[in-house]
Amino acid sequence: MNGGDTEARTDDGWTPLAHAVEREMAAAAVKVLLEHGADIKALSPRGISHLRVACEVGNVRIAEILLEHGADLSDEDPTLQPLINVAAANFDAKLVEVLMSYGARIEDTDVNGFTPLIVASSEGCVETARELLVSGANVEATLISGHTALQAATINGRTDVVELLLKHGANTAVLDAVGRTLAHLAASNGHFTIFKLLSKVSDIYRRDNNGRTPFFHAAIRGRCDILSFLLCSDRDGNVNNAGLSGAQADHSGNIKDFFGTMPIVAAERNGHEDAVQTILTGKSSMSNVGWETPWWAKKILPNMCYCDNVMADDC
């Protein structure tokens, strides 16, 4: 480099290689620096490897150059996220493919149990998730919390990933730690498209450990579109009713949870007056500005709940 020092540092610790790796269009500079002796094992001023920096910013070409010049996955700090997990959070499946070709393991996990597939599913990186599944990723791997990739995608509203995981045989009967189905998770988080998709494969009548159906969770969160969908849907005789009688299994604002609270009361207590009207009328008034709970509903609501000592969070 005509006498240039590849390891010269600025006052705040930046080398030419560290600067180049952080820049999106500096692949050529990275290659030149490495060919002239830049220390590939030196850490960036942030205390992480140059390869990790490239993975964080999603720069596939720079990651390739670093690997071609001796960057070693085994040199990574084991207390940090596996590099393949970092790559899986980016929307470029090629980066995951490159890391796997250099030995990154498809079932590597962090301290919380996140696999690359669960990361990609949580972030909505559908092409990365597809690459991982084609490469043999375990669709039923779970976090320490027990969540699968399908549950993570459902919670975060990743419709394309949910569809992909269903096509790859993901378990649709999975429950979380408090007995919630996929339908519960979609209803609670307000993901209407996913809820409609899952209503064909998940038990929409099942109660969780607090006795609450997906309908109840939609009421608590004020998810009027999901409430309307359930109230207007024909009851499917093939759905598993989890031991409830036919009348109880139907979607109703009058069905109490195990603490004695009705969905309509939970909606009112959480300030969702439009959800109250949806339950009362079977349709939403979201376009009706200024609607208030009818006087007769206000009169009966205080007498509909029997859970003064309730332990649940959302009542």
C-alpha atoms as a PDB file:
ATOM      1  CA  MET A   1       0.000   0.000   0.000  1.00  0.00           C
ATOM      2  CA  ASN A   2       2.961   2.271  -0.739  1.00  0.00           C
ATOM      3  CA  GLY A   3       3.959   2.394   2.895  1.00  0.00           C
ATOM      4  CA  GLY A   4       0.443   2.739   4.321  1.00  0.00           C
ATOM      5  CA  ASP A   5      -0.217   1.161   7.710  1.00  0.00           C
ATOM      6  CA  THR A   6      -3.217  -1.189   7.524  1.00  0.00           C
ATOM      7  CA  GLU A   7      -3.372  -1.250  11.339  1.00  0.00           C
ATOM      8  CA  ALA A   8      -3.257   2.509  11.920  1.00  0.00           C
ATOM      9  CA  ARG A   9      -6.014   3.549  14.300  1.00  0.00           C
ATOM     10  CA  THR A  10      -7.929   6.762  14.784  1.00  0.00           C
ATOM     11  CA  ASP A  11      -8.198   8.274  18.246  1.00  0.00           C
ATOM     12  CA  ASP A  12     -11.391   6.310  18.827  1.00  0.00           C
ATOM     13  CA  GLY A  13      -9.868   3.009  17.706  1.00  0.00           C
ATOM     14  CA  TRP A  14     -10.966   2.637  14.085  1.00  0.00           C
ATOM     15  CA  THR A  15      -8.655   0.860  11.622  1.00  0.00           C
ATOM     16  CA  PRO A  16      -9.034   1.176   7.840  1.00  0.00           C
ATOM     17  CA  LEU A  17     -10.517  -2.345   7.765  1.00  0.00           C
ATOM     18  CA  ALA A  18     -13.044  -1.536  10.496  1.00  0.00           C
ATOM     19  CA  HIS A  19     -14.161   1.551   8.575  1.00  0.00           C
ATOM     20  CA  ALA A  20     -14.442  -0.369   5.302  1.00  0.00           C
ATOM     21  CA  VAL A  21     -16.452  -3.247   6.780  1.00  0.00           C
ATOM     22  CA  GLU A  22     -19.030  -0.828   8.169  1.00  0.00           C
ATOM     23  CA  ARG A  23     -19.564   0.792   4.768  1.00  0.00           C
ATOM     24  CA  GLU A  24     -22.113  -0.766   2.440  1.00  0.00           C
ATOM     25  CA  MET A  25     -20.231  -0.228  -0.815  1.00  0.00           C
ATOM     26  CA  ALA A  26     -16.674  -0.906   0.411  1.00  0.00           C
ATOM     27  CA  ALA A  27     -16.215  -4.574  -0.555  1.00  0.00           C
ATOM     28  CA  ALA A  28     -13.331  -3.742  -2.891  1.00  0.00           C
ATOM     29  CA  ALA A  29     -11.576  -1.779  -0.160  1.00  0.00           C
ATOM     30  CA  VAL A  30     -11.988  -4.655   2.306  1.00  0.00           C
ATOM     31  CA  LYS A  31     -10.403  -7.042  -0.203  1.00  0.00           C
ATOM     32  CA  VAL A  32      -7.450  -4.744  -0.880  1.00  0.00           C
ATOM     33  CA  LEU A  33      -6.788  -4.198   2.837  1.00  0.00           C
ATOM     34  CA  LEU A  34      -6.841  -7.935   3.553  1.00  0.00           C
ATOM     35  CA  GLU A  35      -4.521  -8.645   0.619  1.00  0.00           C
ATOM     36  CA  HIS A  36      -2.065  -6.136   2.103  1.00  0.00           C
ATOM     37  CA  GLY A  37      -1.994  -7.674   5.542  1.00  0.00           C
ATOM     38  CA  ALA A  38      -4.871  -6.154   7.508  1.00  0.00           C
ATOM     39  CA  ASP A  39      -5.454  -8.223  10.652  1.00  0.00           C
ATOM     40  CA  ILE A  40      -8.690 -10.127  10.051  1.00  0.00           C
ATOM     41  CA  LYS A  41      -8.792 -11.301  13.669  1.00  0.00           C
ATOM     42  CA  ALA A  42      -8.671  -7.798  15.131  1.00  0.00           C
ATOM     43  CA  LEU A  43     -11.905  -6.658  16.737  1.00  0.00           C
ATOM     44  CA  SER A  44     -13.862  -3.618  15.673  1.00  0.00           C
ATOM     45  CA  PRO A  45     -14.035  -0.629  18.044  1.00  0.00           C
ATOM     46  CA  ARG A  46     -17.354  -2.126  19.218  1.00  0.00           C
ATOM     47  CA  GLY A  47     -15.496  -5.183  20.480  1.00  0.00           C
ATOM     48  CA  ILE A  48     -16.896  -7.608  17.910  1.00  0.00           C
ATOM     49  CA  SER A  49     -15.404  -9.332  14.877  1.00  0.00           C
ATOM     50  CA  HIS A  50     -15.466  -7.771  11.433  1.00  0.00           C
ATOM     51  CA  LEU A  51     -17.473 -10.770  10.236  1.00  0.00           C
ATOM     52  CA  ARG A  52     -20.145 -10.093  12.862  1.00  0.00           C
ATOM     53  CA  VAL A  53     -20.317  -6.467  11.722  1.00  0.00           C
ATOM     54  CA  ALA A  54     -20.851  -7.602   8.118  1.00  0.00           C
ATOM     55  CA  CYS A  55     -23.612  -9.980   9.241  1.00  0.00           C
ATOM     56  CA  GLU A  56     -25.306  -7.302  11.336  1.00  0.00           C
ATOM     57  CA  VAL A  57     -25.532  -4.907   8.398  1.00  0.00           C
ATOM     58  CA  GLY A  58     -26.397  -7.728   5.993  1.00  0.00           C
ATOM     59  CA  ASN A  59     -23.454  -7.209   3.656  1.00  0.00           C
ATOM     60  CA  VAL A  60     -23.150 -10.550   1.885  1.00  0.00           C
ATOM     61  CA  ARG A  61     -20.187  -9.697  -0.317  1.00  0.00           C
ATOM     62  CA  ILE A  62     -18.053  -8.364   2.528  1.00  0.00           C
ATOM     63  CA  ALA A  63     -18.929 -11.425   4.627  1.00  0.00           C
ATOM     64  CA  GLU A  64     -17.810 -13.632   1.726  1.00  0.00           C
ATOM     65  CA  ILE A  65     -14.524 -11.750   1.362  1.00  0.00           C
ATOM     66  CA  LEU A  66     -13.794 -12.010   5.078  1.00  0.00           C
ATOM     67  CA  LEU A  67     -14.501 -15.754   5.052  1.00  0.00           C
ATOM     68  CA  GLU A  68     -12.389 -16.246   1.933  1.00  0.00           C
ATOM     69  CA  HIS A  69      -9.483 -14.532   3.714  1.00  0.00           C
ATOM     70  CA  GLY A  70      -9.630 -16.643   6.850  1.00  0.00           C
ATOM     71  CA  ALA A  71     -12.379 -15.312   9.101  1.00  0.00           C
ATOM     72  CA  ASP A  72     -13.260 -18.260  11.338  1.00  0.00           C
ATOM     73  CA  LEU A  73     -16.718 -18.908  12.746  1.00  0.00           C
ATOM     74  CA  SER A  74     -15.129 -20.746  15.661  1.00  0.00           C
ATOM     75  CA  ASP A  75     -13.384 -17.535  16.774  1.00  0.00           C
ATOM     76  CA  GLU A  76     -16.711 -15.894  17.610  1.00  0.00           C
ATOM     77  CA  ASP A  77     -17.592 -14.996  21.197  1.00  0.00           C
ATOM     78  CA  PRO A  78     -19.828 -17.882  22.389  1.00  0.00           C
ATOM     79  CA  THR A  79     -21.745 -15.540  24.708  1.00  0.00           C
ATOM     80  CA  LEU A  80     -23.112 -13.608  21.702  1.00  0.00           C
ATOM     81  CA  GLN A  81     -25.797 -14.549  19.214  1.00  0.00           C
ATOM     82  CA  PRO A  82     -24.596 -17.214  16.757  1.00  0.00           C
ATOM     83  CA  LEU A  83     -23.626 -15.496  13.518  1.00  0.00           C
ATOM     84  CA  ILE A  84     -26.187 -17.487  11.558  1.00  0.00           C
ATOM     85  CA  ASN A  85     -28.889 -16.076  13.852  1.00  0.00           C
ATOM     86  CA  VAL A  86     -27.621 -12.560  13.205  1.00  0.00           C
ATOM     87  CA  ALA A  87     -27.737 -13.255   9.476  1.00  0.00           C
ATOM     88  CA  ALA A  88     -31.227 -14.780   9.724  1.00  0.00           C
ATOM     89  CA  ALA A  89     -32.605 -11.464  10.974  1.00  0.00           C
ATOM     90  CA  ASN A  90     -31.666  -9.844   7.654  1.00  0.00           C
ATOM     91  CA  PHE A  91     -33.835 -10.059   4.560  1.00  0.00           C
ATOM     92  CA  ASP A  92     -31.183 -11.740   2.398  1.00  0.00           C
ATOM     93  CA  ALA A  93     -31.207 -15.533   2.417  1.00  0.00           C
ATOM     94  CA  LYS A  94     -27.867 -15.526   0.588  1.00  0.00           C
ATOM     95  CA  LEU A  95     -26.031 -14.476   3.750  1.00  0.00           C
ATOM     96  CA  VAL A  96     -27.351 -17.508   5.642  1.00  0.00           C
ATOM     97  CA  GLU A  97     -26.417 -19.719   2.697  1.00  0.00           C
ATOM     98  CA  VAL A  98     -22.850 -18.342   2.698  1.00  0.00           C
ATOM     99  CA  LEU A  99     -22.410 -18.925   6.430  1.00  0.00           C
ATOM    100  CA  MET A 100     -23.718 -22.487   6.155  1.00  0.00           C
ATOM    101  CA  SER A 101     -21.219 -23.181   3.370  1.00  0.00           C
ATOM    102  CA  TYR A 102     -18.474 -22.239   5.851  1.00  0.00           C
ATOM    103  CA  GLY A 103     -19.777 -24.483   8.603  1.00  0.00           C
ATOM    104  CA  ALA A 104     -22.467 -22.502  10.404  1.00  0.00           C
ATOM    105  CA  ARG A 105     -24.877 -24.949  12.017  1.00  0.00           C
ATOM    106  CA  ILE A 106     -28.526 -24.692  11.133  1.00  0.00           C
ATOM    107  CA  GLU A 107     -29.673 -25.620  14.649  1.00  0.00           C
ATOM    108  CA  ASP A 108     -27.353 -23.269  16.575  1.00  0.00           C
ATOM    109  CA  THR A 109     -29.211 -21.529  19.393  1.00  0.00           C
ATOM    110  CA  ASP A 110     -28.642 -18.553  21.661  1.00  0.00           C
ATOM    111  CA  VAL A 111     -29.211 -18.556  25.422  1.00  0.00           C
ATOM    112  CA  ASN A 112     -32.977 -18.192  24.904  1.00  0.00           C
ATOM    113  CA  GLY A 113     -33.201 -21.079  22.467  1.00  0.00           C
ATOM    114  CA  PHE A 114     -33.565 -18.999  19.304  1.00  0.00           C
ATOM    115  CA  THR A 115     -32.644 -21.034  16.241  1.00  0.00           C
ATOM    116  CA  PRO A 116     -32.010 -19.319  12.897  1.00  0.00           C
ATOM    117  CA  LEU A 117     -35.487 -20.403  11.760  1.00  0.00           C
ATOM    118  CA  ILE A 118     -37.207 -18.920  14.807  1.00  0.00           C
ATOM    119  CA  VAL A 119     -35.260 -15.684  14.307  1.00  0.00           C
ATOM    120  CA  ALA A 120     -36.235 -15.483  10.631  1.00  0.00           C
ATOM    121  CA  SER A 121     -39.850 -16.317  11.475  1.00  0.00           C
ATOM    122  CA  SER A 122     -40.021 -13.659  14.191  1.00  0.00           C
ATOM    123  CA  GLU A 123     -38.562 -11.002  11.888  1.00  0.00           C
ATOM    124  CA  GLY A 124     -40.669 -11.955   8.877  1.00  0.00           C
ATOM    125  CA  CYS A 125     -37.708 -12.933   6.690  1.00  0.00           C
ATOM    126  CA  VAL A 126     -39.676 -15.358   4.555  1.00  0.00           C
ATOM    127  CA  GLU A 127     -36.966 -16.144   1.977  1.00  0.00           C
ATOM    128  CA  THR A 128     -34.438 -16.817   4.729  1.00  0.00           C
ATOM    129  CA  ALA A 129     -36.952 -19.057   6.482  1.00  0.00           C
ATOM    130  CA  ARG A 130     -37.543 -20.879   3.194  1.00  0.00           C
ATOM    131  CA  GLU A 131     -33.798 -21.428   2.705  1.00  0.00           C
ATOM    132  CA  LEU A 132     -33.450 -22.764   6.236  1.00  0.00           C
ATOM    133  CA  LEU A 133     -36.385 -25.156   5.832  1.00  0.00           C
ATOM    134  CA  VAL A 134     -35.083 -26.453   2.519  1.00  0.00           C
ATOM    135  CA  SER A 135     -31.711 -26.991   4.219  1.00  0.00           C
ATOM    136  CA  GLY A 136     -33.324 -29.119   6.917  1.00  0.00           C
ATOM    137  CA  ALA A 137     -34.142 -26.753   9.774  1.00  0.00           C
ATOM    138  CA  ASN A 138     -36.343 -28.291  12.466  1.00  0.00           C
ATOM    139  CA  VAL A 139     -39.741 -26.621  12.142  1.00  0.00           C
ATOM    140  CA  GLU A 140     -40.686 -27.765  15.660  1.00  0.00           C
ATOM    141  CA  ALA A 141     -37.616 -26.462  17.512  1.00  0.00           C
ATOM    142  CA  THR A 142     -38.663 -24.399  20.532  1.00  0.00           C
ATOM    143  CA  LEU A 143     -37.432 -21.493  22.566  1.00  0.00           C
ATOM    144  CA  ILE A 144     -36.795 -21.958  26.274  1.00  0.00           C
ATOM    145  CA  SER A 145     -40.235 -20.347  26.689  1.00  0.00           C
ATOM    146  CA  GLY A 146     -41.686 -23.170  24.578  1.00  0.00           C
ATOM    147  CA  HIS A 147     -42.607 -21.108  21.517  1.00  0.00           C
ATOM    148  CA  THR A 148     -42.071 -22.607  18.073  1.00  0.00           C
ATOM    149  CA  ALA A 149     -41.293 -20.745  14.864  1.00  0.00           C
ATOM    150  CA  LEU A 150     -45.000 -20.815  13.969  1.00  0.00           C
ATOM    151  CA  GLN A 151     -45.977 -19.284  17.288  1.00  0.00           C
ATOM    152  CA  ALA A 152     -43.296 -16.615  16.911  1.00  0.00           C
ATOM    153  CA  ALA A 153     -44.499 -15.747  13.405  1.00  0.00           C
ATOM    154  CA  THR A 154     -48.105 -15.631  14.604  1.00  0.00           C
ATOM    155  CA  ILE A 155     -47.352 -13.337  17.540  1.00  0.00           C
ATOM    156  CA  ASN A 156     -45.396 -10.950  15.329  1.00  0.00           C
ATOM    157  CA  GLY A 157     -47.906 -10.883  12.489  1.00  0.00           C
ATOM    158  CA  ARG A 158     -45.706 -12.476   9.821  1.00  0.00           C
ATOM    159  CA  THR A 159     -48.398 -13.733   7.456  1.00  0.00           C
ATOM    160  CA  ASP A 160     -46.087 -14.952   4.672  1.00  0.00           C
ATOM    161  CA  VAL A 161     -43.974 -16.905   7.154  1.00  0.00           C
ATOM    162  CA  VAL A 162     -47.064 -18.447   8.780  1.00  0.00           C
ATOM    163  CA  GLU A 163     -48.209 -19.682   5.368  1.00  0.00           C
ATOM    164  CA  LEU A 164     -44.732 -21.063   4.644  1.00  0.00           C
ATOM    165  CA  LEU A 165     -44.474 -22.899   7.973  1.00  0.00           C
ATOM    166  CA  LEU A 166     -47.928 -24.413   7.516  1.00  0.00           C
ATOM    167  CA  LYS A 167     -46.876 -25.741   4.115  1.00  0.00           C
ATOM    168  CA  HIS A 168     -43.871 -27.348   5.801  1.00  0.00           C
ATOM    169  CA  GLY A 169     -46.033 -29.185   8.296  1.00  0.00           C
ATOM    170  CA  ALA A 170     -45.663 -27.029  11.404  1.00  0.00           C
ATOM    171  CA  ASN A 171     -47.729 -28.298  14.326  1.00  0.00           C
ATOM    172  CA  THR A 172     -50.965 -26.298  14.521  1.00  0.00           C
ATOM    173  CA  ALA A 173     -52.132 -27.853  17.802  1.00  0.00           C
ATOM    174  CA  VAL A 174     -49.254 -26.396  19.804  1.00  0.00           C
ATOM    175  CA  LEU A 175     -50.102 -24.571  23.061  1.00  0.00           C
ATOM    176  CA  ASP A 176     -48.057 -21.991  24.942  1.00  0.00           C
ATOM    177  CA  ALA A 177     -47.273 -22.081  28.666  1.00  0.00           C
ATOM    178  CA  VAL A 178     -50.720 -20.763  29.621  1.00  0.00           C
ATOM    179  CA  GLY A 179     -52.683 -22.985  27.264  1.00  0.00           C
ATOM    180  CA  ARG A 180     -53.178 -20.550  24.410  1.00  0.00           C
ATOM    181  CA  THR A 181     -53.600 -21.872  20.877  1.00  0.00           C
ATOM    182  CA  LEU A 182     -52.351 -20.208  17.725  1.00  0.00           C
ATOM    183  CA  ALA A 183     -55.820 -18.713  17.358  1.00  0.00           C
ATOM    184  CA  HIS A 184     -55.512 -17.166  20.831  1.00  0.00           C
ATOM    185  CA  LEU A 185     -52.170 -15.600  19.901  1.00  0.00           C
ATOM    186  CA  ALA A 186     -53.430 -14.165  16.626  1.00  0.00           C
ATOM    187  CA  ALA A 187     -56.591 -12.808  18.261  1.00  0.00           C
ATOM    188  CA  SER A 188     -54.773 -11.238  21.188  1.00  0.00           C
ATOM    189  CA  ASN A 189     -52.232  -9.529  18.952  1.00  0.00           C
ATOM    190  CA  GLY A 190     -54.821  -8.368  16.431  1.00  0.00           C
ATOM    191  CA  HIS A 191     -53.513 -10.138  13.343  1.00  0.00           C
ATOM    192  CA  PHE A 192     -56.763 -10.567  11.456  1.00  0.00           C
ATOM    193  CA  THR A 193     -55.413 -12.119   8.246  1.00  0.00           C
ATOM    194  CA  ILE A 194     -53.421 -14.666  10.211  1.00  0.00           C
ATOM    195  CA  PHE A 195     -56.407 -15.370  12.441  1.00  0.00           C
ATOM    196  CA  LYS A 196     -58.597 -16.156   9.432  1.00  0.00           C
ATOM    197  CA  LEU A 197     -55.863 -18.407   8.068  1.00  0.00           C
ATOM    198  CA  LEU A 198     -55.423 -20.226  11.376  1.00  0.00           C
ATOM    199  CA  SER A 199     -59.156 -20.535  12.015  1.00  0.00           C
ATOM    200  CA  LYS A 200     -59.106 -23.368   9.475  1.00  0.00           C
ATOM    201  CA  VAL A 201     -56.454 -25.347  11.368  1.00  0.00           C
ATOM    202  CA  SER A 202     -56.472 -24.163  14.999  1.00  0.00           C
ATOM    203  CA  ASP A 203     -59.130 -24.768  17.656  1.00  0.00           C
ATOM    204  CA  ILE A 204     -61.007 -21.460  17.820  1.00  0.00           C
ATOM    205  CA  TYR A 205     -63.280 -22.655  20.646  1.00  0.00           C
ATOM    206  CA  ARG A 206     -60.658 -23.911  23.051  1.00  0.00           C
ATOM    207  CA  ARG A 207     -60.236 -22.206  26.425  1.00  0.00           C
ATOM    208  CA  ASP A 208     -56.809 -21.323  27.778  1.00  0.00           C
ATOM    209  CA  ASN A 209     -55.731 -21.905  31.376  1.00  0.00           C
ATOM    210  CA  ASN A 210     -57.830 -18.919  32.452  1.00  0.00           C
ATOM    211  CA  GLY A 211     -60.908 -20.197  30.670  1.00  0.00           C
ATOM    212  CA  ARG A 212     -60.652 -17.693  27.847  1.00  0.00           C
ATOM    213  CA  THR A 213     -61.368 -18.445  24.206  1.00  0.00           C
ATOM    214  CA  PRO A 214     -59.834 -16.542  21.264  1.00  0.00           C
ATOM    215  CA  PHE A 215     -63.101 -14.565  21.240  1.00  0.00           C
ATOM    216  CA  PHE A 216     -62.398 -13.459  24.820  1.00  0.00           C
ATOM    217  CA  HIS A 217     -58.854 -12.388  23.923  1.00  0.00           C
ATOM    218  CA  ALA A 218     -60.153 -10.370  20.990  1.00  0.00           C
ATOM    219  CA  ALA A 219     -62.618  -8.644  23.310  1.00  0.00           C
ATOM    220  CA  ILE A 220     -59.935  -7.788  25.884  1.00  0.00           C
ATOM    221  CA  ARG A 221     -57.765  -6.204  23.195  1.00  0.00           C
ATOM    222  CA  GLY A 222     -60.558  -4.528  21.255  1.00  0.00           C
ATOM    223  CA  ARG A 223     -60.005  -6.522  18.067  1.00  0.00           C
ATOM    224  CA  CYS A 224     -63.323  -5.693  16.414  1.00  0.00           C
ATOM    225  CA  ASP A 225     -62.522  -7.244  13.055  1.00  0.00           C
ATOM    226  CA  ILE A 226     -61.814 -10.600  14.705  1.00  0.00           C
ATOM    227  CA  LEU A 227     -64.899 -10.337  16.909  1.00  0.00           C
ATOM    228  CA  SER A 228     -67.067  -9.623  13.865  1.00  0.00           C
ATOM    229  CA  PHE A 229     -65.504 -12.494  11.956  1.00  0.00           C
ATOM    230  CA  LEU A 230     -66.234 -14.932  14.773  1.00  0.00           C
ATOM    231  CA  LEU A 231     -69.750 -13.660  15.371  1.00  0.00           C
ATOM    232  CA  CYS A 232     -70.619 -13.901  11.685  1.00  0.00           C
ATOM    233  CA  SER A 233     -68.969 -17.265  11.040  1.00  0.00           C
ATOM    234  CA  ASP A 234     -70.981 -20.438  10.788  1.00  0.00           C
ATOM    235  CA  ARG A 235     -70.074 -22.902  13.504  1.00  0.00           C
ATOM    236  CA  ASP A 236     -68.001 -25.781  12.105  1.00  0.00           C
ATOM    237  CA  GLY A 237     -69.265 -29.053  13.463  1.00  0.00           C
ATOM    238  CA  ASN A 238     -65.831 -30.648  12.959  1.00  0.00           C
ATOM    239  CA  VAL A 239     -64.060 -28.292  15.352  1.00  0.00           C
ATOM    240  CA  ASN A 240     -62.884 -29.755  18.658  1.00  0.00           C
ATOM    241  CA  ASN A 241     -64.827 -28.015  21.409  1.00  0.00           C
ATOM    242  CA  ALA A 242     -62.387 -28.962  24.182  1.00  0.00           C
ATOM    243  CA  GLY A 243     -65.096 -30.626  26.256  1.00  0.00           C
ATOM    244  CA  LEU A 244     -67.534 -27.698  26.279  1.00  0.00           C
ATOM    245  CA  SER A 245     -71.231 -28.056  25.612  1.00  0.00           C
ATOM    246  CA  GLY A 246     -72.511 -26.830  22.271  1.00  0.00           C
ATOM    247  CA  ALA A 247     -74.005 -23.686  23.781  1.00  0.00           C
ATOM    248  CA  GLN A 248     -70.842 -22.795  25.676  1.00  0.00           C
ATOM    249  CA  ALA A 249     -68.607 -23.404  22.705  1.00  0.00           C
ATOM    250  CA  ASP A 250     -70.418 -20.824  20.595  1.00  0.00           C
ATOM    251  CA  HIS A 251     -68.876 -17.377  20.400  1.00  0.00           C
ATOM    252  CA  SER A 252     -70.731 -15.249  22.900  1.00  0.00           C
ATOM    253  CA  GLY A 253     -70.119 -12.139  24.944  1.00  0.00           C
ATOM    254  CA  ASN A 254     -71.867 -13.829  27.854  1.00  0.00           C
ATOM    255  CA  ILE A 255     -69.535 -16.803  28.323  1.00  0.00           C
ATOM    256  CA  LYS A 256     -67.510 -16.266  31.501  1.00  0.00           C
ATOM    257  CA  ASP A 257     -63.876 -17.172  32.001  1.00  0.00           C
ATOM    258  CA  PHE A 258     -62.762 -19.143  35.065  1.00  0.00           C
ATOM    259  CA  PHE A 259     -62.750 -15.917  37.120  1.00  0.00           C
ATOM    260  CA  GLY A 260     -66.380 -15.111  36.335  1.00  0.00           C
ATOM    261  CA  THR A 261     -65.715 -12.366  33.793  1.00  0.00           C
ATOM    262  CA  MET A 262     -67.571 -12.069  30.500  1.00  0.00           C
ATOM    263  CA  PRO A 263     -65.867 -10.902  27.287  1.00  0.00           C
ATOM    264  CA  ILE A 264     -68.154  -7.882  27.077  1.00  0.00           C
ATOM    265  CA  VAL A 265     -67.111  -6.801  30.572  1.00  0.00           C
ATOM    266  CA  ALA A 266     -63.431  -7.301  29.809  1.00  0.00           C
ATOM    267  CA  ALA A 267     -63.839  -5.139  26.688  1.00  0.00           C
ATOM    268  CA  GLU A 268     -65.570  -2.375  28.671  1.00  0.00           C
ATOM    269  CA  ARG A 269     -63.025  -2.451  31.492  1.00  0.00           C
ATOM    270  CA  ASN A 270     -60.194  -2.051  28.996  1.00  0.00           C
ATOM    271  CA  GLY A 271     -61.849   0.911  27.301  1.00  0.00           C
ATOM    272  CA  HIS A 272     -62.901  -0.830  24.105  1.00  0.00           C
ATOM    273  CA  GLU A 273     -66.420   0.532  23.654  1.00  0.00           C
ATOM    274  CA  ASP A 274     -66.439  -0.349  19.986  1.00  0.00           C
ATOM    275  CA  ALA A 275     -65.745  -3.960  20.931  1.00  0.00           C
ATOM    276  CA  VAL A 276     -68.698  -3.795  23.337  1.00  0.00           C
ATOM    277  CA  GLN A 277     -70.955  -2.699  20.515  1.00  0.00           C
ATOM    278  CA  THR A 278     -69.531  -5.345  18.218  1.00  0.00           C
ATOM    279  CA  ILE A 279     -70.381  -8.035  20.758  1.00  0.00           C
ATOM    280  CA  LEU A 280     -73.865  -6.591  21.333  1.00  0.00           C
ATOM    281  CA  THR A 281     -74.774  -6.121  17.685  1.00  0.00           C
ATOM    282  CA  GLY A 282     -72.546  -8.561  15.841  1.00  0.00           C
ATOM    283  CA  LYS A 283     -70.921  -5.836  13.780  1.00  0.00           C
ATOM    284  CA  SER A 284     -68.346  -3.125  14.318  1.00  0.00           C
ATOM    285  CA  SER A 285     -68.934   0.601  14.457  1.00  0.00           C
ATOM    286  CA  MET A 286     -65.341   1.542  13.763  1.00  0.00           C
ATOM    287  CA  SER A 287     -66.477   4.006  11.122  1.00  0.00           C
ATOM    288  CA  ASN A 288     -69.066   5.595  13.434  1.00  0.00           C
ATOM    289  CA  VAL A 289     -67.280   8.479  15.088  1.00  0.00           C
ATOM    290  CA  GLY A 290     -68.496   9.356  18.574  1.00  0.00           C
ATOM    291  CA  TRP A 291     -70.357   6.111  19.380  1.00  0.00           C
ATOM    292  CA  GLU A 292     -70.907   5.480  23.084  1.00  0.00           C
ATOM    293  CA  THR A 293     -72.010   2.389  24.960  1.00  0.00           C
ATOM    294  CA  PRO A 294     -75.848   2.340  25.063  1.00  0.00           C
ATOM    295  CA  TRP A 295     -77.341   3.421  28.388  1.00  0.00           C
ATOM    296  CA  TRP A 296     -78.875   0.002  28.928  1.00  0.00           C
ATOM    297  CA  ALA A 297     -75.513  -1.711  28.388  1.00  0.00           C
ATOM    298  CA  LYS A 298     -73.893   0.642  30.895  1.00  0.00           C
ATOM    299  CA  LYS A 299     -76.639  -0.235  33.345  1.00  0.00           C
ATOM    300  CA  ILE A 300     -76.117  -3.997  33.168  1.00  0.00           C
ATOM    301  CA  LEU A 301     -72.333  -4.058  32.783  1.00  0.00           C
ATOM    302  CA  PRO A 302     -71.541  -3.464  36.490  1.00  0.00           C
ATOM    303  CA  ASN A 303     -73.629  -6.517  37.394  1.00  0.00           C
ATOM    304  CA  MET A 304     -72.040  -8.878  34.878  1.00  0.00           C
ATOM    305  CA  CYS A 305     -68.645  -9.478  36.508  1.00  0.00           C
ATOM    306  CA  TYR A 306     -67.947 -11.564  39.587  1.00  0.00           C
ATOM    307  CA  CYS A 307     -64.157 -11.420  39.706  1.00  0.00           C
ATOM    308  CA  ASP A 308     -63.298  -8.815  42.364  1.00  0.00           C
ATOM    309  CA  ASN A 309     -60.422 -11.019  43.499  1.00  0.00           C
ATOM    310  CA  VAL A 310     -59.289 -11.981  40.010  1.00  0.00           C
ATOM    311  CA  MET A 311     -55.624 -12.794  39.559  1.00  0.00           C
ATOM    312  CA  ALA A 312     -55.544 -12.440  35.764  1.00  0.00           C
ATOM    313  CA  ASP A 313     -53.848  -9.386  34.277  1.00  0.00           C
ATOM    314  CA  ASP A 314     -56.393  -8.386  31.656  1.00  0.00           C
ATOM    315  CA  CYS A 315     -59.690  -8.386  33.515  1.00  0.00           C
END
